Amino acid sequence: MSSTISVDEAGRIELPKAIRDRFQLSVGSQLRVESIGDHLELTPVGREASESAIVERNGLLMVPSTGASFDALDAVALERERREADILG
């Protein structure tokens, strides 16, 4: 997914709702920002599943839910857009 956003007078940016939803970002979520060449990269902090977060239930390994809402249809649509952009340029 690609979109153009603006920086306000205080230096803030607002991420589009589709991106916030896809990465389960809410008020207080932390992002790491890196300058890479001529672009910026934002990465959610603390989202990686660690071995300690993995539990076994009924013989299956599971990562407990964060409690954040997730819309599978939106996730599929975003992934399709990303793949189309990768393929079509």
N, C-alpha and C. Protein backbone atom coordinates (compact mmCIF):
# COMPACT_ATOMS: atom_id res chain seq x y z
N MET A 1 0.84 -1.17 0.00
CA MET A 1 0.00 0.00 0.00
C MET A 1 0.88 1.23 0.00
N SER A 2 0.51 2.21 -0.75
CA SER A 2 1.28 3.44 -0.85
C SER A 2 0.32 4.62 -0.76
N SER A 3 0.71 5.64 -0.02
CA SER A 3 -0.09 6.86 0.04
C SER A 3 0.83 8.02 0.39
N THR A 4 0.37 9.22 0.08
CA THR A 4 1.14 10.42 0.38
C THR A 4 0.53 11.08 1.61
N ILE A 5 1.38 11.41 2.58
CA ILE A 5 0.92 12.07 3.80
C ILE A 5 1.74 13.34 4.00
N SER A 6 1.25 14.23 4.85
CA SER A 6 1.93 15.50 5.10
C SER A 6 2.43 15.58 6.53
N VAL A 7 3.43 16.42 6.73
CA VAL A 7 3.95 16.72 8.06
C VAL A 7 3.29 18.02 8.51
N ASP A 8 2.70 18.03 9.72
CA ASP A 8 2.06 19.25 10.19
C ASP A 8 3.08 20.20 10.82
N GLU A 9 2.60 21.36 11.32
CA GLU A 9 3.49 22.38 11.87
C GLU A 9 4.31 21.89 13.05
N ALA A 10 3.80 20.90 13.77
CA ALA A 10 4.50 20.36 14.94
C ALA A 10 5.43 19.21 14.56
N GLY A 11 5.51 18.90 13.26
CA GLY A 11 6.39 17.82 12.81
C GLY A 11 5.76 16.44 12.87
N ARG A 12 4.45 16.38 13.05
CA ARG A 12 3.75 15.10 13.16
C ARG A 12 3.23 14.64 11.81
N ILE A 13 3.10 13.31 11.70
CA ILE A 13 2.44 12.71 10.54
C ILE A 13 1.30 11.84 11.06
N GLU A 14 0.29 11.64 10.23
CA GLU A 14 -0.80 10.74 10.59
C GLU A 14 -0.79 9.60 9.60
N LEU A 15 -0.65 8.39 10.13
CA LEU A 15 -0.65 7.20 9.27
C LEU A 15 -2.08 6.90 8.84
N PRO A 16 -2.28 6.50 7.59
CA PRO A 16 -3.62 6.14 7.13
C PRO A 16 -4.21 5.01 7.98
N LYS A 17 -5.53 5.04 8.16
CA LYS A 17 -6.21 4.05 9.00
C LYS A 17 -5.92 2.63 8.55
N ALA A 18 -5.90 2.38 7.25
CA ALA A 18 -5.64 1.02 6.75
C ALA A 18 -4.29 0.50 7.23
N ILE A 19 -3.30 1.38 7.27
CA ILE A 19 -1.96 0.97 7.74
C ILE A 19 -1.98 0.76 9.25
N ARG A 20 -2.63 1.68 9.99
CA ARG A 20 -2.72 1.50 11.44
C ARG A 20 -3.42 0.18 11.78
N ASP A 21 -4.48 -0.13 11.05
CA ASP A 21 -5.20 -1.38 11.30
C ASP A 21 -4.36 -2.59 10.95
N ARG A 22 -3.69 -2.55 9.81
CA ARG A 22 -2.89 -3.70 9.37
C ARG A 22 -1.80 -4.04 10.38
N PHE A 23 -1.17 -3.02 10.95
CA PHE A 23 -0.08 -3.25 11.89
C PHE A 23 -0.53 -3.15 13.35
N GLN A 24 -1.85 -3.09 13.55
CA GLN A 24 -2.45 -3.04 14.88
C GLN A 24 -1.83 -1.93 15.73
N LEU A 25 -1.75 -0.73 15.16
CA LEU A 25 -1.21 0.43 15.86
C LEU A 25 -2.34 1.22 16.50
N SER A 26 -2.14 1.65 17.71
CA SER A 26 -3.14 2.46 18.41
C SER A 26 -2.40 3.53 19.20
N VAL A 27 -3.16 4.36 19.90
CA VAL A 27 -2.55 5.43 20.70
C VAL A 27 -1.50 4.83 21.63
N GLY A 28 -0.31 5.39 21.59
CA GLY A 28 0.78 4.91 22.44
C GLY A 28 1.68 3.87 21.79
N SER A 29 1.28 3.34 20.63
CA SER A 29 2.15 2.39 19.93
C SER A 29 3.46 3.07 19.59
N GLN A 30 4.55 2.32 19.67
CA GLN A 30 5.86 2.89 19.37
C GLN A 30 6.35 2.39 18.02
N LEU A 31 7.01 3.29 17.29
CA LEU A 31 7.60 2.97 16.00
C LEU A 31 9.06 3.38 16.02
N ARG A 32 9.92 2.58 15.41
CA ARG A 32 11.32 2.97 15.24
C ARG A 32 11.41 3.57 13.84
N VAL A 33 12.06 4.72 13.72
CA VAL A 33 12.24 5.35 12.42
C VAL A 33 13.72 5.29 12.06
N GLU A 34 13.99 4.87 10.83
CA GLU A 34 15.36 4.79 10.34
C GLU A 34 15.45 5.52 9.00
N SER A 35 16.55 6.21 8.83
CA SER A 35 16.85 6.86 7.56
C SER A 35 17.70 5.88 6.75
N ILE A 36 17.16 5.44 5.62
CA ILE A 36 17.86 4.48 4.77
C ILE A 36 17.99 5.10 3.38
N GLY A 37 19.20 5.50 3.05
CA GLY A 37 19.40 6.16 1.76
C GLY A 37 18.55 7.41 1.68
N ASP A 38 17.66 7.44 0.68
CA ASP A 38 16.83 8.62 0.48
C ASP A 38 15.39 8.42 0.96
N HIS A 39 15.17 7.42 1.83
CA HIS A 39 13.81 7.21 2.34
C HIS A 39 13.82 6.88 3.84
N LEU A 40 12.64 6.93 4.43
CA LEU A 40 12.47 6.61 5.84
C LEU A 40 11.77 5.27 5.97
N GLU A 41 12.13 4.53 7.01
CA GLU A 41 11.47 3.25 7.27
C GLU A 41 10.94 3.27 8.70
N LEU A 42 9.65 2.99 8.85
CA LEU A 42 9.01 2.90 10.16
C LEU A 42 8.78 1.44 10.48
N THR A 43 9.17 1.02 11.69
CA THR A 43 9.00 -0.36 12.13
C THR A 43 8.34 -0.37 13.50
N PRO A 44 7.21 -1.11 13.65
CA PRO A 44 6.61 -1.21 14.97
C PRO A 44 7.60 -1.81 15.96
N VAL A 45 7.66 -1.26 17.17
CA VAL A 45 8.57 -1.74 18.20
C VAL A 45 7.83 -2.74 19.08
N GLY A 46 8.49 -3.85 19.39
CA GLY A 46 7.93 -4.81 20.32
C GLY A 46 6.83 -5.68 19.75
N ARG A 47 6.76 -5.85 18.45
CA ARG A 47 5.71 -6.66 17.84
C ARG A 47 6.16 -8.08 17.54
N GLU A 48 7.47 -8.36 17.65
CA GLU A 48 7.95 -9.68 17.29
C GLU A 48 7.52 -10.70 18.35
N ALA A 49 7.11 -11.87 17.88
CA ALA A 49 6.76 -12.94 18.82
C ALA A 49 8.04 -13.55 19.35
N SER A 50 8.15 -13.65 20.65
CA SER A 50 9.33 -14.27 21.24
C SER A 50 8.96 -15.68 21.66
N GLU A 51 9.99 -16.50 21.90
CA GLU A 51 9.72 -17.87 22.32
C GLU A 51 8.90 -17.90 23.60
N SER A 52 9.13 -16.93 24.48
CA SER A 52 8.39 -16.92 25.74
C SER A 52 6.92 -16.60 25.53
N ALA A 53 6.57 -15.99 24.39
CA ALA A 53 5.18 -15.66 24.11
C ALA A 53 4.44 -16.84 23.49
N ILE A 54 5.17 -17.87 23.09
CA ILE A 54 4.55 -19.03 22.45
C ILE A 54 4.12 -20.01 23.53
N VAL A 55 2.87 -20.44 23.45
CA VAL A 55 2.35 -21.41 24.41
C VAL A 55 1.85 -22.64 23.67
N GLU A 56 1.79 -23.75 24.38
CA GLU A 56 1.28 -24.99 23.77
C GLU A 56 -0.10 -25.26 24.34
N ARG A 57 -1.06 -25.47 23.44
CA ARG A 57 -2.42 -25.80 23.84
C ARG A 57 -2.91 -26.96 22.99
N ASN A 58 -3.31 -28.01 23.63
CA ASN A 58 -3.82 -29.19 22.94
C ASN A 58 -2.86 -29.69 21.87
N GLY A 59 -1.58 -29.63 22.17
CA GLY A 59 -0.57 -30.12 21.24
C GLY A 59 -0.21 -29.16 20.12
N LEU A 60 -0.77 -27.95 20.13
CA LEU A 60 -0.48 -26.95 19.10
C LEU A 60 0.28 -25.78 19.71
N LEU A 61 1.24 -25.23 18.96
CA LEU A 61 1.95 -24.04 19.41
C LEU A 61 1.13 -22.82 19.00
N MET A 62 0.92 -21.91 19.93
CA MET A 62 0.09 -20.73 19.66
C MET A 62 0.75 -19.49 20.23
N VAL A 63 0.46 -18.35 19.60
CA VAL A 63 0.87 -17.05 20.12
C VAL A 63 -0.42 -16.38 20.61
N PRO A 64 -0.51 -16.09 21.89
CA PRO A 64 -1.74 -15.49 22.43
C PRO A 64 -2.08 -14.18 21.72
N SER A 65 -3.36 -13.92 21.58
CA SER A 65 -3.85 -12.70 20.94
C SER A 65 -3.47 -11.47 21.75
N THR A 66 -3.25 -10.38 21.04
CA THR A 66 -2.96 -9.11 21.71
C THR A 66 -4.23 -8.42 22.14
N GLY A 67 -5.37 -8.92 21.68
CA GLY A 67 -6.65 -8.29 21.99
C GLY A 67 -7.03 -7.23 20.98
N ALA A 68 -6.12 -6.90 20.07
CA ALA A 68 -6.41 -5.90 19.05
C ALA A 68 -7.32 -6.49 17.99
N SER A 69 -8.19 -5.66 17.43
CA SER A 69 -9.08 -6.16 16.39
C SER A 69 -8.30 -6.40 15.11
N PHE A 70 -8.81 -7.31 14.29
CA PHE A 70 -8.14 -7.66 13.05
C PHE A 70 -9.21 -7.92 12.00
N ASP A 71 -9.11 -7.28 10.86
CA ASP A 71 -10.07 -7.46 9.77
C ASP A 71 -9.38 -8.23 8.66
N ALA A 72 -9.73 -9.50 8.50
CA ALA A 72 -9.09 -10.36 7.51
C ALA A 72 -9.32 -9.85 6.09
N LEU A 73 -10.51 -9.33 5.80
CA LEU A 73 -10.79 -8.83 4.45
C LEU A 73 -9.89 -7.65 4.11
N ASP A 74 -9.70 -6.73 5.06
CA ASP A 74 -8.79 -5.61 4.84
C ASP A 74 -7.36 -6.09 4.65
N ALA A 75 -6.95 -7.07 5.45
CA ALA A 75 -5.59 -7.60 5.34
C ALA A 75 -5.36 -8.23 3.97
N VAL A 76 -6.34 -8.97 3.47
CA VAL A 76 -6.22 -9.59 2.14
C VAL A 76 -6.16 -8.51 1.07
N ALA A 77 -7.01 -7.50 1.17
CA ALA A 77 -7.02 -6.41 0.19
C ALA A 77 -5.68 -5.67 0.18
N LEU A 78 -5.13 -5.39 1.36
CA LEU A 78 -3.83 -4.71 1.44
C LEU A 78 -2.72 -5.56 0.84
N GLU A 79 -2.74 -6.86 1.11
CA GLU A 79 -1.72 -7.75 0.56
C GLU A 79 -1.83 -7.83 -0.96
N ARG A 80 -3.05 -7.86 -1.48
CA ARG A 80 -3.24 -7.86 -2.94
C ARG A 80 -2.67 -6.58 -3.56
N GLU A 81 -2.96 -5.44 -2.93
CA GLU A 81 -2.43 -4.17 -3.43
C GLU A 81 -0.90 -4.19 -3.43
N ARG A 82 -0.32 -4.69 -2.35
CA ARG A 82 1.14 -4.74 -2.25
C ARG A 82 1.73 -5.63 -3.33
N ARG A 83 1.12 -6.80 -3.54
CA ARG A 83 1.62 -7.73 -4.56
C ARG A 83 1.48 -7.15 -5.96
N GLU A 84 0.33 -6.50 -6.23
CA GLU A 84 0.14 -5.87 -7.54
C GLU A 84 1.21 -4.80 -7.78
N ALA A 85 1.48 -4.00 -6.75
CA ALA A 85 2.50 -2.96 -6.88
C ALA A 85 3.87 -3.57 -7.14
N ASP A 86 4.19 -4.67 -6.45
CA ASP A 86 5.48 -5.35 -6.66
C ASP A 86 5.58 -5.91 -8.08
N ILE A 87 4.50 -6.50 -8.56
CA ILE A 87 4.51 -7.14 -9.87
C ILE A 87 4.47 -6.12 -11.00
N LEU A 88 3.58 -5.13 -10.87
CA LEU A 88 3.37 -4.16 -11.94
C LEU A 88 4.32 -2.97 -11.88
N GLY A 89 4.96 -2.80 -10.73
CA GLY A 89 5.92 -1.70 -10.58
C GLY A 89 5.28 -0.46 -10.28
